[in-house]
Amino acid sequence: GLSSRAPKKLTDQVMQNPQVLAALQERLDNVSHTPSSYIETLPKAVKRRINALKQLQVRCAHIEAKFYEEVHDLERKYAALYQPLFDKRREFITGDVEPTDAESEWHSENEEEDKLAGDVKNKVVIAEKEAATEEVDPKGIPEFWFTIFRNVDMLSELVQEYDEPILKHLQDIKVKFSDPGQPMSFVLEFHFEPNDYFSNPVLTKTYKMKSEPDKADPFSFEGPEIVDCDGCTIDWKKGKNVTVKTIKKKQKHKGRGTVRTITKQVPNESFFNFFSPLKASGDGESLDEDSEFTLASDFEIGHFFRERIVPRAVLYFTGEAIEDDDNFEEGEEGEEEELEGDEEGEDEDGTEVNPEVSCLGAPKPTDALLRGLLRH
């Protein structure tokens, strides 16, 4: 009938339009210029040589893996050199040791302003002292690690109000590297003073790493990656477990129709769930998207403790490191946008999150995405 003829006529007209033809031709040209379609057109002998190059590339990846194992040995060696300084840091924080005058001398950049402000302040202090008794000198640096948790977005998002009094007992965080010859890993140790919440003096989180190219996809290798993590059992004191909450539930008896109230324990949001992490599925089963994201976030936090917070704790306490991180991230995320959908290897809807986080120096591109996601 008429209706089927009309579209055909329209199509014919469109196809004769020189602009439409030019646009189509351009599309076709572009398609034929993709690298993979170009490779397809090459003679067999050339393809053989490309395969030989790929073999060499895999061998490079294996050498690179050895390089990173040596880097890990170096990190272990230097960790031993840092440790005495970190031990001293802990003593100053807890107030076990008082720094000497020489140890506590610090010249800030805006010293002149400080001096002026200091003079004014001294006059005020003298006046106040006359009015009041001696000010109380707290022990060490109160709530040092807790303040860091509050300052760092990635951590403060995990901390619930009822976690706060517990975190005030946190006295030190240490990073321990795996021994030579052992599978590559690192342990975060959270040291707590005796408290009313749990009896463990130390809570641990172990991150297992892999530094070898993936057999299925050797070219994706970019250095050691966290592949799994283990928590620890927290020995909560009676009624103090913040990772569960007790709810009352009404139950109706099917036969008799009577109603009784039962109490039931259900999981509760808490920072301390950090110590009972999801397991990465080792047997090739893929995790659902939520679990994948949870795991990726966990790896990201472990990486952040190890790479940034533990080595530079005082700067996260004062907030100086946070300003630096923000500047760094803004630049990073700006670049992200240009790349988006291009080299990210995302699905069409852009939801893929890579749970593997590179553990050396600069985070992988996915880290910046994760940080963005984690912050919102």
Protein backbone atom coordinates (compact mmCIF):
# COMPACT_ATOMS: atom_id res chain seq x y z
CA GLY A 1 0.00 0.00 0.00
CA LEU A 2 0.75 3.66 0.10
CA SER A 3 2.21 3.70 3.60
CA SER A 4 5.04 1.30 2.77
CA ARG A 5 5.93 3.20 -0.40
CA ALA A 6 6.27 6.58 1.35
CA PRO A 7 9.23 5.64 3.61
CA LYS A 8 11.06 4.08 0.66
CA LYS A 9 10.65 7.27 -1.33
CA LEU A 10 11.91 9.27 1.64
CA THR A 11 14.94 6.97 1.97
CA ASP A 12 15.75 7.42 -1.71
CA GLN A 13 15.62 11.18 -1.34
CA VAL A 14 17.81 11.10 1.77
CA MET A 15 20.35 8.86 0.06
CA GLN A 16 20.65 11.30 -2.84
CA ASN A 17 21.39 14.21 -0.50
CA PRO A 18 25.12 14.98 -0.99
CA GLN A 19 25.60 15.96 2.68
CA VAL A 20 24.16 12.67 3.90
CA LEU A 21 26.36 10.74 1.48
CA ALA A 22 29.45 12.65 2.57
CA ALA A 23 28.67 11.95 6.25
CA LEU A 24 28.16 8.24 5.54
CA GLN A 25 31.39 8.06 3.56
CA GLU A 26 33.25 9.69 6.46
CA ARG A 27 31.79 7.11 8.89
CA LEU A 28 32.97 4.31 6.61
CA ASP A 29 36.44 5.82 6.32
CA ASN A 30 36.74 6.11 10.07
CA VAL A 31 35.65 2.53 10.62
CA SER A 32 38.28 1.25 8.25
CA HIS A 33 40.98 3.17 10.12
CA THR A 34 40.67 1.48 13.52
CA PRO A 35 43.95 -0.22 14.51
CA SER A 36 42.41 -3.70 14.74
CA SER A 37 40.78 -3.49 11.30
CA TYR A 38 44.14 -2.37 9.87
CA ILE A 39 45.87 -5.41 11.45
CA GLU A 40 43.24 -7.65 9.83
CA THR A 41 44.30 -6.42 6.38
CA LEU A 42 47.98 -7.33 6.86
CA PRO A 43 49.60 -10.33 5.13
CA LYS A 44 49.98 -13.56 7.14
CA ALA A 45 53.75 -13.23 7.40
CA VAL A 46 53.45 -9.80 9.01
CA LYS A 47 50.83 -11.09 11.46
CA ARG A 48 53.27 -13.87 12.49
CA ARG A 49 55.88 -11.21 13.32
CA ILE A 50 53.34 -9.21 15.36
CA ASN A 51 52.61 -12.38 17.37
CA ALA A 52 56.33 -12.72 18.00
CA LEU A 53 56.38 -9.16 19.37
CA LYS A 54 53.48 -10.03 21.68
CA GLN A 55 55.46 -12.98 23.03
CA LEU A 56 58.36 -10.62 23.76
CA GLN A 57 55.91 -8.28 25.48
CA VAL A 58 54.74 -11.06 27.82
CA ARG A 59 58.36 -11.80 28.70
CA CYS A 60 58.84 -8.09 29.51
CA ALA A 61 55.84 -8.25 31.85
CA HIS A 62 57.47 -11.16 33.73
CA ILE A 63 60.73 -9.23 34.09
CA GLU A 64 58.72 -6.23 35.33
CA ALA A 65 57.14 -8.49 37.97
CA LYS A 66 60.63 -9.41 39.23
CA PHE A 67 61.48 -5.70 39.36
CA TYR A 68 58.50 -5.07 41.63
CA GLU A 69 59.49 -7.98 43.89
CA GLU A 70 62.83 -6.26 44.40
CA VAL A 71 61.03 -2.98 45.05
CA HIS A 72 59.06 -4.80 47.76
CA ASP A 73 62.35 -6.00 49.31
CA LEU A 74 63.61 -2.41 49.27
CA GLU A 75 60.40 -1.20 50.92
CA ARG A 76 60.87 -3.82 53.61
CA LYS A 77 64.46 -2.68 54.19
CA TYR A 78 63.44 0.97 54.48
CA ALA A 79 60.46 0.14 56.70
CA ALA A 80 63.04 -1.01 59.27
CA LEU A 81 64.76 2.40 59.04
CA TYR A 82 61.51 4.34 59.48
CA GLN A 83 60.31 2.24 62.42
CA PRO A 84 62.43 3.85 65.18
CA LEU A 85 61.05 7.25 64.11
CA PHE A 86 57.48 5.92 64.09
CA ASP A 87 58.08 4.43 67.55
CA LYS A 88 59.21 7.83 68.78
CA ARG A 89 56.14 9.38 67.17
CA ARG A 90 53.95 6.96 69.12
CA GLU A 91 55.68 7.88 72.41
CA PHE A 92 55.11 11.59 71.81
CA ILE A 93 51.45 10.98 70.86
CA THR A 94 50.68 8.82 73.88
CA GLY A 95 52.62 11.13 76.21
CA ASP A 96 54.99 8.35 77.35
CA VAL A 97 57.90 10.58 76.35
CA GLU A 98 58.19 14.37 76.29
CA PRO A 99 60.12 15.83 73.32
CA THR A 100 63.20 17.87 74.26
CA ASP A 101 63.37 21.58 73.37
CA ALA A 102 65.60 20.77 70.41
CA GLU A 103 63.19 18.04 69.22
CA SER A 104 60.18 20.32 69.41
CA GLU A 105 61.67 23.33 67.63
CA TRP A 106 59.84 24.17 64.40
CA HIS A 107 60.16 27.23 62.17
CA SER A 108 57.06 27.84 60.13
CA GLU A 109 57.06 29.80 56.85
CA ASN A 110 55.07 32.75 58.16
CA GLU A 111 57.23 33.15 61.22
CA GLU A 112 56.96 36.95 61.38
CA GLU A 113 53.17 36.80 61.58
CA ASP A 114 53.44 34.02 64.13
CA LYS A 115 55.83 36.10 66.22
CA LEU A 116 53.51 39.12 66.19
CA ALA A 117 50.52 36.94 66.95
CA GLY A 118 52.59 35.26 69.65
CA ASP A 119 53.44 38.56 71.33
CA VAL A 120 49.79 39.57 71.39
CA LYS A 121 48.83 36.13 72.60
CA ASN A 122 51.45 36.20 75.37
CA LYS A 123 49.99 39.43 76.72
CA VAL A 124 46.53 37.86 76.63
CA VAL A 125 47.81 34.67 78.25
CA ILE A 126 49.52 36.61 81.04
CA ALA A 127 46.30 38.52 81.68
CA GLU A 128 44.30 35.29 81.62
CA LYS A 129 46.76 33.55 83.93
CA GLU A 130 46.37 36.26 86.48
CA ALA A 131 42.63 35.79 86.23
CA ALA A 132 42.62 31.99 86.20
CA THR A 133 44.72 29.18 87.54
CA GLU A 134 47.33 27.30 85.49
CA GLU A 135 45.85 25.76 82.29
CA VAL A 136 45.63 21.96 82.24
CA ASP A 137 48.31 20.27 80.16
CA PRO A 138 46.80 17.15 78.59
CA LYS A 139 48.91 14.01 78.16
CA GLY A 140 50.57 13.58 74.78
CA ILE A 141 48.46 14.61 71.78
CA PRO A 142 44.84 13.82 72.65
CA GLU A 143 42.71 12.04 70.03
CA PHE A 144 45.56 12.10 67.48
CA TRP A 145 44.45 9.19 65.28
CA PHE A 146 40.76 9.87 65.84
CA THR A 147 41.28 13.40 64.47
CA ILE A 148 42.88 11.92 61.34
CA PHE A 149 39.81 9.72 60.86
CA ARG A 150 37.67 12.83 61.16
CA ASN A 151 39.81 14.83 58.72
CA VAL A 152 40.04 12.26 55.92
CA ASP A 153 36.78 12.01 53.94
CA MET A 154 37.39 8.42 52.93
CA LEU A 155 37.56 7.39 56.60
CA SER A 156 35.06 9.77 58.19
CA GLU A 157 32.38 8.32 55.91
CA LEU A 158 32.87 4.93 57.57
CA VAL A 159 32.81 6.24 61.14
CA GLN A 160 29.45 6.21 62.89
CA GLU A 161 28.73 8.28 65.99
CA TYR A 162 28.96 5.21 68.24
CA ASP A 163 32.40 4.33 66.73
CA GLU A 164 33.88 7.63 67.87
CA PRO A 165 34.40 6.90 71.59
CA ILE A 166 36.13 3.64 70.62
CA LEU A 167 38.47 5.27 68.09
CA LYS A 168 39.58 7.74 70.76
CA HIS A 169 41.44 4.77 72.30
CA LEU A 170 43.46 4.16 69.11
CA GLN A 171 47.13 4.79 69.93
CA ASP A 172 49.05 3.74 66.84
CA ILE A 173 48.72 2.32 63.32
CA LYS A 174 51.60 0.29 61.94
CA VAL A 175 52.32 -1.26 58.55
CA LYS A 176 54.12 -4.62 58.56
CA PHE A 177 55.49 -6.12 55.32
CA SER A 178 55.59 -9.84 54.56
CA ASP A 179 58.89 -11.64 55.21
CA PRO A 180 61.30 -12.41 52.38
CA GLY A 181 60.32 -15.56 50.50
CA GLN A 182 56.70 -15.32 51.72
CA PRO A 183 53.79 -14.43 49.40
CA MET A 184 53.68 -10.63 49.03
CA SER A 185 51.36 -8.92 51.53
CA PHE A 186 51.17 -6.21 54.16
CA VAL A 187 49.40 -6.00 57.51
CA LEU A 188 47.83 -2.91 59.05
CA GLU A 189 48.00 -3.08 62.85
CA PHE A 190 45.64 -0.88 64.87
CA HIS A 191 46.95 -0.61 68.45
CA PHE A 192 44.40 0.29 71.14
CA GLU A 193 44.90 1.18 74.79
CA PRO A 194 42.90 -0.93 77.27
CA ASN A 195 39.24 0.07 76.86
CA ASP A 196 35.67 -0.89 77.78
CA TYR A 197 34.76 -2.08 74.28
CA PHE A 198 36.96 -5.05 73.35
CA SER A 199 39.85 -6.94 74.88
CA ASN A 200 42.17 -7.11 71.82
CA PRO A 201 45.21 -4.82 72.23
CA VAL A 202 45.72 -4.96 68.44
CA LEU A 203 43.27 -5.32 65.53
CA THR A 204 44.79 -6.44 62.23
CA LYS A 205 43.88 -6.28 58.56
CA THR A 206 46.01 -8.24 56.08
CA TYR A 207 46.15 -7.32 52.40
CA LYS A 208 47.37 -10.04 50.06
CA MET A 209 49.12 -8.91 46.93
CA LYS A 210 50.01 -10.43 43.61
CA SER A 211 52.93 -9.32 41.52
CA GLU A 212 52.76 -11.47 38.43
CA PRO A 213 51.09 -10.99 35.07
CA ASP A 214 47.66 -12.58 34.77
CA LYS A 215 47.83 -15.64 32.50
CA ALA A 216 44.58 -14.67 30.79
CA ASP A 217 45.53 -11.02 30.36
CA PRO A 218 49.29 -10.51 30.82
CA PHE A 219 49.31 -7.06 29.18
CA SER A 220 47.18 -5.55 31.94
CA PHE A 221 50.08 -5.92 34.41
CA GLU A 222 51.05 -2.65 36.09
CA GLY A 223 52.79 -3.78 39.23
CA PRO A 224 51.65 -5.40 42.49
CA GLU A 225 47.92 -5.37 43.12
CA ILE A 226 45.88 -6.12 46.20
CA VAL A 227 43.90 -9.24 45.38
CA ASP A 228 42.34 -10.19 48.72
CA CYS A 229 42.21 -9.26 52.39
CA ASP A 230 41.70 -10.87 55.80
CA GLY A 231 40.41 -9.26 58.96
CA CYS A 232 40.51 -10.49 62.54
CA THR A 233 38.06 -11.48 65.26
CA ILE A 234 37.20 -8.67 67.65
CA ASP A 235 36.58 -9.90 71.20
CA TRP A 236 33.80 -7.48 72.10
CA LYS A 237 32.92 -7.05 75.75
CA LYS A 238 29.33 -7.83 76.71
CA GLY A 239 26.86 -5.44 75.09
CA LYS A 240 29.59 -3.35 73.44
CA ASN A 241 29.61 -4.77 69.90
CA VAL A 242 28.79 -1.84 67.60
CA THR A 243 28.81 -4.00 64.43
CA VAL A 244 25.44 -5.52 65.36
CA LYS A 245 22.22 -4.06 66.68
CA THR A 246 19.40 -5.78 68.52
CA ILE A 247 15.94 -5.30 67.10
CA LYS A 248 12.59 -6.44 68.49
CA LYS A 249 10.38 -8.33 66.07
CA LYS A 250 6.77 -9.50 66.43
CA GLN A 251 6.15 -13.11 65.38
CA LYS A 252 2.70 -14.56 64.78
CA HIS A 253 2.16 -18.25 65.46
CA LYS A 254 0.70 -19.79 62.28
CA GLY A 255 -1.68 -22.21 63.98
CA ARG A 256 -2.69 -20.48 67.19
CA GLY A 257 -2.57 -16.90 65.93
CA THR A 258 -0.77 -15.81 69.11
CA VAL A 259 1.86 -13.06 68.82
CA ARG A 260 5.20 -13.08 70.63
CA THR A 261 8.06 -10.57 70.53
CA ILE A 262 11.55 -11.89 69.81
CA THR A 263 14.84 -10.01 69.82
CA LYS A 264 17.16 -10.52 66.91
CA GLN A 265 20.69 -9.32 66.17
CA VAL A 266 21.22 -7.75 62.75
CA PRO A 267 24.38 -6.26 61.17
CA ASN A 268 24.98 -2.60 61.92
CA GLU A 269 27.02 -0.04 59.97
CA SER A 270 30.33 0.63 61.69
CA PHE A 271 33.98 1.36 60.94
CA PHE A 272 34.78 -1.88 62.75
CA ASN A 273 33.24 -3.90 59.90
CA PHE A 274 36.59 -3.05 58.27
CA PHE A 275 37.94 -6.05 60.22
CA SER A 276 35.46 -8.53 58.74
CA PRO A 277 35.90 -7.87 55.02
CA LEU A 278 34.30 -9.54 52.03
CA LYS A 279 36.43 -12.27 50.49
CA ALA A 280 37.48 -11.91 46.88
CA SER A 281 36.14 -15.01 45.13
CA GLY A 282 39.16 -17.16 44.39
CA ASP A 283 37.33 -19.82 42.40
CA GLY A 284 36.62 -17.75 39.32
CA GLU A 285 33.07 -16.87 40.39
CA SER A 286 32.42 -13.21 39.77
CA LEU A 287 31.10 -11.04 42.56
CA ASP A 288 28.03 -8.91 42.02
CA GLU A 289 28.57 -5.23 41.33
CA ASP A 290 27.89 -4.04 44.89
CA SER A 291 30.34 -6.55 46.37
CA GLU A 292 32.90 -5.66 43.73
CA PHE A 293 32.57 -2.01 44.66
CA THR A 294 32.75 -2.73 48.40
CA LEU A 295 35.91 -4.75 47.84
CA ALA A 296 37.44 -2.08 45.61
CA SER A 297 36.71 0.56 48.28
CA ASP A 298 38.28 -1.64 50.94
CA PHE A 299 41.45 -2.13 48.85
CA GLU A 300 41.56 1.60 48.23
CA ILE A 301 41.37 2.35 51.98
CA GLY A 302 44.07 -0.21 52.79
CA HIS A 303 46.27 1.32 50.12
CA PHE A 304 45.64 4.81 51.53
CA PHE A 305 46.57 3.80 55.09
CA ARG A 306 49.76 2.19 53.87
CA GLU A 307 50.86 4.77 51.31
CA ARG A 308 49.74 8.03 52.87
CA ILE A 309 48.28 8.02 56.37
CA VAL A 310 50.81 5.91 58.27
CA PRO A 311 53.91 7.52 56.69
CA ARG A 312 52.61 11.12 57.03
CA ALA A 313 50.24 10.96 60.00
CA VAL A 314 51.05 14.40 61.47
CA LEU A 315 50.19 16.11 58.16
CA TYR A 316 46.77 14.43 58.09
CA PHE A 317 46.30 15.48 61.72
CA THR A 318 47.06 19.15 60.92
CA GLY A 319 45.21 18.97 57.58
CA GLU A 320 48.24 19.97 55.49
CA ALA A 321 48.35 16.67 53.59
CA ILE A 322 44.63 16.88 52.86
CA GLU A 323 45.05 20.19 51.05
CA ASP A 324 47.85 18.60 49.00
CA ASP A 325 45.71 15.55 48.18
CA ASP A 326 42.82 17.75 47.11
CA ASN A 327 45.00 19.74 44.73
CA PHE A 328 46.44 16.53 43.35
CA GLU A 329 43.02 14.95 42.89
CA GLU A 330 41.47 17.93 41.17
CA GLY A 331 44.16 17.72 38.50
CA GLU A 332 43.74 13.98 38.29
CA GLU A 333 39.98 14.02 38.02
CA GLY A 334 40.13 16.75 35.38
CA GLU A 335 42.21 14.41 33.22
CA GLU A 336 39.82 11.59 34.00
CA GLU A 337 36.99 13.40 32.27
CA GLU A 338 38.86 13.63 28.98
CA LEU A 339 39.66 9.94 29.09
CA GLU A 340 36.20 8.86 30.08
CA GLY A 341 34.81 5.95 28.11
CA ASP A 342 37.91 6.06 25.99
CA GLU A 343 40.60 4.09 27.72
CA GLU A 344 38.78 3.18 30.88
CA GLY A 345 37.60 -0.17 29.56
CA GLU A 346 34.17 0.56 30.95
CA ASP A 347 30.93 -1.15 30.07
CA GLU A 348 28.48 0.89 28.04
CA ASP A 349 26.90 2.29 31.18
CA GLY A 350 30.30 3.09 32.63
CA THR A 351 29.72 1.14 35.83
CA GLU A 352 32.74 -1.11 35.84
CA VAL A 353 35.00 -0.65 38.84
CA ASN A 354 38.35 -2.35 38.87
CA PRO A 355 38.82 -3.90 42.31
CA GLU A 356 42.56 -4.10 41.83
CA VAL A 357 44.41 -1.10 43.11
CA SER A 358 48.06 -0.62 42.26
CA CYS A 359 50.07 -0.49 45.44
CA LEU A 360 53.10 1.39 44.29
CA GLY A 361 53.50 5.11 44.13
CA ALA A 362 50.95 6.65 41.83
CA PRO A 363 47.50 5.10 42.09
CA LYS A 364 45.99 3.62 38.95
CA PRO A 365 43.44 5.72 37.06
CA THR A 366 40.62 3.74 38.68
CA ASP A 367 41.76 5.07 42.08
CA ALA A 368 40.73 8.59 41.17
CA LEU A 369 37.33 7.37 40.01
CA LEU A 370 36.94 5.37 43.19
CA ARG A 371 37.93 8.32 45.32
CA GLY A 372 35.32 10.40 43.55
CA LEU A 373 32.70 7.74 44.09
CA LEU A 374 33.71 7.14 47.68
CA ARG A 375 33.50 10.80 48.50
CA HIS A 376 29.90 11.17 47.35
